[in-house]
Amino acid sequence: MACYAGWFRLIYERPLAADGGALGVFAYSTQLLAGALLYDWYTTLSLTPMHSQTQHFCNTHNQRRYLEYVLCGSVLMLWGYSLACLPKGPWCYAAKKVEVECPIVSSPQDLLAPLPFTHTTSPTTLTPSAGESDGVVSVLSLSKEVAATTSFQIFSAGYGMVLYLVCHVVGDVLRLRVSVLEEFSQQALSAFLVHVALLFFFRWLVPSNAPIWWAWGWFILYCWANWQAVCWLRANNIQLRL
């Protein structure tokens, strides 16, 4: 309601802050509720010691809980995508944040938004942009690049739930361990702050017209630098708890 009342227009034309500006904290309450649901679900699993992974999955109680969780995450993703398919408005923007007429829906095909995770370009260009096939963004765009829209928040909450389920199966059930990922997970907040700080430095080393081998080389070095920084923080007992 706040977005339709004019908040989206204010944020998009005159950016006050990332992720929805001062009201962004309310937008991310969707993820907070999804996380609370996730915790409630996890505590109901039968995690008593079992002789094999097969025994864990054959537990009828666990099977029912897994199915409920997958359905819940899938419904949220479908809901978020469906919101992005609604008619645009009341304001639409094109290149360089110029207000334009919202696309006219002349057929059911026009309602379909581009699928998530498809290759897109920046909305500051004249080419099709994040979450929009025609280069037009609106309050319902399924895009992280366009502030904290409702469609993005709901879709990402469902996607995060399903992704967590995959991590639970791989880590808690199958007992697979990757030392690098384990290091980052134990220092999540520190890793986040470190990667943002290093990004400001590395971004100047990879221009937009750099060859692919140059970009990949610096990306690998960037990941290695993040890992080493997090390891250094742990070795010196510097921890930032969530």
Protein backbone atom coordinates (compact mmCIF):
# COMPACT_ATOMS: atom_id res chain seq x y z
CA MET A 1 0.00 0.00 0.00
CA ALA A 2 2.85 2.36 0.79
CA CYS A 3 4.44 1.65 -2.59
CA TYR A 4 1.22 2.37 -4.44
CA ALA A 5 0.70 5.51 -2.37
CA GLY A 6 3.92 6.94 -3.79
CA TRP A 7 6.83 5.45 -1.83
CA PHE A 8 8.10 3.42 -4.79
CA ARG A 9 8.06 6.51 -6.99
CA LEU A 10 9.96 8.53 -4.39
CA ILE A 11 12.59 5.81 -3.90
CA TYR A 12 13.07 5.06 -7.58
CA GLU A 13 13.27 8.66 -8.80
CA ARG A 14 15.32 9.95 -5.88
CA PRO A 15 17.13 6.98 -4.29
CA LEU A 16 17.28 7.46 -0.53
CA ALA A 17 18.80 4.09 0.31
CA ALA A 18 19.04 0.55 -0.94
CA ASP A 19 16.35 -2.09 -0.50
CA GLY A 20 13.29 0.08 -0.11
CA GLY A 21 14.74 3.02 1.77
CA ALA A 22 13.56 3.76 5.30
CA LEU A 23 10.64 1.33 4.90
CA GLY A 24 12.84 -1.50 3.70
CA VAL A 25 12.85 -3.04 7.17
CA PHE A 26 9.14 -3.76 6.76
CA ALA A 27 9.70 -5.36 3.38
CA TYR A 28 12.18 -7.83 4.80
CA SER A 29 9.67 -8.95 7.41
CA THR A 30 8.63 -11.51 4.77
CA GLN A 31 12.00 -13.24 5.13
CA LEU A 32 11.71 -12.99 8.92
CA LEU A 33 8.38 -14.81 8.87
CA ALA A 34 9.77 -17.43 6.48
CA GLY A 35 12.72 -17.95 8.81
CA ALA A 36 10.40 -18.40 11.80
CA LEU A 37 8.40 -20.98 9.84
CA LEU A 38 11.65 -22.69 8.87
CA TYR A 39 12.75 -22.98 12.49
CA ASP A 40 9.39 -24.38 13.57
CA TRP A 41 9.60 -26.93 10.77
CA TYR A 42 13.16 -27.95 11.65
CA THR A 43 12.33 -28.57 15.30
CA THR A 44 9.57 -31.02 14.30
CA LEU A 45 11.90 -33.28 12.30
CA SER A 46 12.93 -36.60 13.74
CA LEU A 47 16.68 -36.04 14.05
CA THR A 48 17.39 -38.83 16.50
CA PRO A 49 20.51 -40.89 15.63
CA MET A 50 19.77 -43.28 12.79
CA HIS A 51 21.86 -46.03 11.27
CA SER A 52 21.68 -44.72 7.71
CA GLN A 53 20.47 -41.87 5.53
CA THR A 54 17.91 -44.24 4.02
CA GLN A 55 16.37 -44.76 7.44
CA HIS A 56 16.08 -41.00 7.87
CA PHE A 57 14.26 -40.53 4.56
CA CYS A 58 12.07 -43.61 5.09
CA ASN A 59 10.74 -42.12 8.33
CA THR A 60 7.11 -41.35 7.45
CA HIS A 61 7.04 -38.34 9.78
CA ASN A 62 10.06 -36.80 8.06
CA GLN A 63 8.65 -37.53 4.62
CA ARG A 64 5.47 -35.64 5.49
CA ARG A 65 7.40 -32.69 6.88
CA TYR A 66 9.70 -32.53 3.84
CA LEU A 67 6.69 -32.54 1.52
CA GLU A 68 4.99 -29.76 3.49
CA TYR A 69 8.14 -27.67 3.40
CA VAL A 70 8.73 -28.09 -0.34
CA LEU A 71 5.09 -27.22 -1.05
CA CYS A 72 5.27 -24.13 1.16
CA GLY A 73 8.43 -22.83 -0.52
CA SER A 74 7.06 -23.61 -3.99
CA VAL A 75 3.80 -21.79 -3.27
CA LEU A 76 5.70 -18.70 -2.12
CA MET A 77 7.84 -18.72 -5.27
CA LEU A 78 4.77 -19.13 -7.47
CA TRP A 79 2.99 -16.38 -5.55
CA GLY A 80 5.91 -13.97 -6.00
CA TYR A 81 6.16 -14.71 -9.71
CA SER A 82 2.40 -14.33 -10.12
CA LEU A 83 2.54 -10.86 -8.59
CA ALA A 84 5.17 -9.90 -11.16
CA CYS A 85 2.73 -10.99 -13.89
CA LEU A 86 0.01 -8.57 -12.79
CA PRO A 87 -0.59 -5.46 -14.95
CA LYS A 88 2.07 -2.84 -14.30
CA GLY A 89 1.43 0.45 -12.63
CA PRO A 90 0.73 2.99 -11.45
CA TRP A 91 4.24 4.13 -12.46
CA CYS A 92 6.68 2.54 -14.87
CA TYR A 93 10.26 3.52 -15.64
CA ALA A 94 12.62 2.82 -18.52
CA ALA A 95 16.23 3.75 -19.22
CA LYS A 96 17.93 6.12 -16.80
CA LYS A 97 14.85 6.06 -14.57
CA VAL A 98 12.69 8.03 -16.99
CA GLU A 99 8.97 7.65 -16.34
CA VAL A 100 7.14 6.08 -19.27
CA GLU A 101 3.72 4.72 -20.09
CA CYS A 102 3.14 1.29 -18.57
CA PRO A 103 2.93 -1.53 -21.15
CA ILE A 104 -0.58 -2.21 -22.43
CA VAL A 105 -1.82 -5.76 -21.96
CA SER A 106 -3.34 -6.87 -25.27
CA SER A 107 -3.10 -10.65 -24.81
CA PRO A 108 -2.58 -13.18 -21.99
CA GLN A 109 1.01 -13.65 -23.20
CA ASP A 110 1.75 -10.02 -22.30
CA LEU A 111 1.06 -10.79 -18.64
CA LEU A 112 3.89 -13.31 -18.32
CA ALA A 113 6.96 -11.84 -16.66
CA PRO A 114 10.44 -13.14 -17.56
CA LEU A 115 11.40 -16.18 -15.53
CA PRO A 116 13.63 -15.61 -12.49
CA PHE A 117 17.39 -16.05 -12.89
CA THR A 118 17.24 -15.35 -16.62
CA HIS A 119 20.02 -13.25 -18.13
CA THR A 120 19.20 -9.56 -17.93
CA THR A 121 20.97 -6.22 -18.05
CA SER A 122 20.85 -3.11 -15.93
CA PRO A 123 17.71 -0.92 -15.96
CA THR A 124 19.97 2.09 -16.46
CA THR A 125 20.43 1.02 -20.08
CA LEU A 126 18.07 1.01 -23.02
CA THR A 127 18.15 -2.78 -23.22
CA PRO A 128 15.74 -5.13 -21.42
CA SER A 129 16.42 -4.95 -17.72
CA ALA A 130 16.21 -6.95 -14.53
CA GLY A 131 12.98 -8.87 -14.43
CA GLU A 132 11.40 -7.06 -17.38
CA SER A 133 11.56 -8.18 -21.02
CA ASP A 134 10.73 -4.75 -22.39
CA GLY A 135 13.18 -2.73 -20.32
CA VAL A 136 10.39 -1.29 -18.17
CA VAL A 137 10.36 -1.63 -14.39
CA SER A 138 7.48 -1.05 -12.00
CA VAL A 139 6.37 -1.55 -8.41
CA LEU A 140 5.70 -5.23 -9.18
CA SER A 141 8.98 -6.05 -10.96
CA LEU A 142 10.58 -9.28 -9.77
CA SER A 143 13.99 -7.68 -9.36
CA LYS A 144 16.45 -7.07 -6.55
CA GLU A 145 17.78 -4.15 -8.58
CA VAL A 146 14.52 -2.21 -8.29
CA ALA A 147 14.24 -1.79 -4.49
CA ALA A 148 12.48 -4.24 -2.20
CA THR A 149 9.36 -5.02 -4.22
CA THR A 150 6.70 -7.34 -2.82
CA SER A 151 7.07 -9.85 -5.65
CA PHE A 152 10.81 -10.13 -5.03
CA GLN A 153 10.44 -10.49 -1.28
CA ILE A 154 7.85 -13.26 -1.49
CA PHE A 155 9.67 -15.17 -4.25
CA SER A 156 13.04 -14.94 -2.49
CA ALA A 157 11.49 -16.14 0.79
CA GLY A 158 10.18 -19.28 -0.91
CA TYR A 159 13.44 -19.80 -2.79
CA GLY A 160 15.43 -19.43 0.43
CA MET A 161 13.25 -22.02 2.16
CA VAL A 162 13.77 -24.59 -0.58
CA LEU A 163 17.49 -23.83 -0.74
CA TYR A 164 17.77 -24.30 3.03
CA LEU A 165 16.08 -27.67 2.69
CA VAL A 166 18.72 -28.72 0.16
CA CYS A 167 21.48 -27.56 2.52
CA HIS A 168 19.85 -29.44 5.39
CA VAL A 169 19.80 -32.69 3.41
CA VAL A 170 23.38 -32.28 2.21
CA GLY A 171 24.85 -31.15 5.54
CA ASP A 172 22.70 -32.66 8.31
CA VAL A 173 21.52 -35.87 6.67
CA LEU A 174 24.22 -36.86 4.19
CA ARG A 175 26.94 -35.36 6.42
CA LEU A 176 28.87 -33.82 3.53
CA ARG A 177 31.33 -31.13 4.52
CA VAL A 178 33.12 -28.43 2.48
CA SER A 179 35.65 -26.64 4.65
CA VAL A 180 35.46 -23.35 2.76
CA LEU A 181 31.67 -23.16 2.99
CA GLU A 182 31.79 -24.25 6.62
CA GLU A 183 34.18 -21.40 7.37
CA PHE A 184 31.87 -18.86 5.75
CA SER A 185 28.76 -20.23 7.46
CA GLN A 186 30.35 -19.96 10.91
CA GLN A 187 31.37 -16.35 10.22
CA ALA A 188 28.39 -15.26 8.12
CA LEU A 189 28.20 -11.62 9.19
CA SER A 190 31.97 -11.15 9.07
CA ALA A 191 32.11 -12.72 5.61
CA PHE A 192 29.36 -10.40 4.41
CA LEU A 193 31.13 -7.26 5.62
CA VAL A 194 34.49 -8.46 4.29
CA HIS A 195 33.15 -9.22 0.81
CA VAL A 196 31.53 -5.78 0.57
CA ALA A 197 34.77 -4.06 1.62
CA LEU A 198 36.89 -6.08 -0.83
CA LEU A 199 34.38 -5.52 -3.61
CA PHE A 200 35.06 -1.77 -3.59
CA PHE A 201 38.71 -2.53 -4.31
CA PHE A 202 38.36 -5.35 -6.82
CA ARG A 203 35.66 -3.66 -8.90
CA TRP A 204 38.21 -1.12 -10.17
CA LEU A 205 40.44 -3.92 -11.46
CA VAL A 206 37.80 -5.43 -13.76
CA PRO A 207 36.38 -2.91 -16.25
CA SER A 208 33.13 -3.73 -18.03
CA ASN A 209 34.98 -4.44 -21.30
CA ALA A 210 37.57 -6.78 -19.73
CA PRO A 211 38.13 -10.16 -21.44
CA ILE A 212 36.49 -13.16 -19.80
CA TRP A 213 39.78 -14.72 -18.68
CA TRP A 214 40.70 -11.49 -16.88
CA ALA A 215 37.32 -11.36 -15.12
CA TRP A 216 37.48 -15.01 -14.05
CA GLY A 217 41.04 -14.62 -12.80
CA TRP A 218 40.18 -11.69 -10.56
CA PHE A 219 36.96 -13.38 -9.42
CA ILE A 220 38.92 -16.41 -8.22
CA LEU A 221 41.41 -14.15 -6.46
CA TYR A 222 38.50 -12.19 -4.93
CA CYS A 223 36.97 -15.38 -3.50
CA TRP A 224 40.37 -16.48 -2.17
CA ALA A 225 40.90 -13.08 -0.51
CA ASN A 226 37.50 -13.30 1.17
CA TRP A 227 38.28 -16.76 2.49
CA GLN A 228 41.70 -15.71 3.82
CA ALA A 229 40.22 -12.65 5.51
CA VAL A 230 37.57 -14.74 7.27
CA CYS A 231 40.19 -17.30 8.35
CA TRP A 232 42.33 -14.48 9.75
CA LEU A 233 39.38 -13.16 11.77
CA ARG A 234 38.73 -16.63 13.21
CA ALA A 235 42.42 -17.18 14.02
CA ASN A 236 42.47 -13.90 15.94
CA ASN A 237 39.18 -14.71 17.70
CA ILE A 238 37.35 -11.81 16.06
CA GLN A 239 33.71 -12.82 15.62
CA LEU A 240 30.55 -10.93 14.78
CA ARG A 241 27.52 -12.91 15.86
CA LEU A 242 24.20 -12.60 14.09
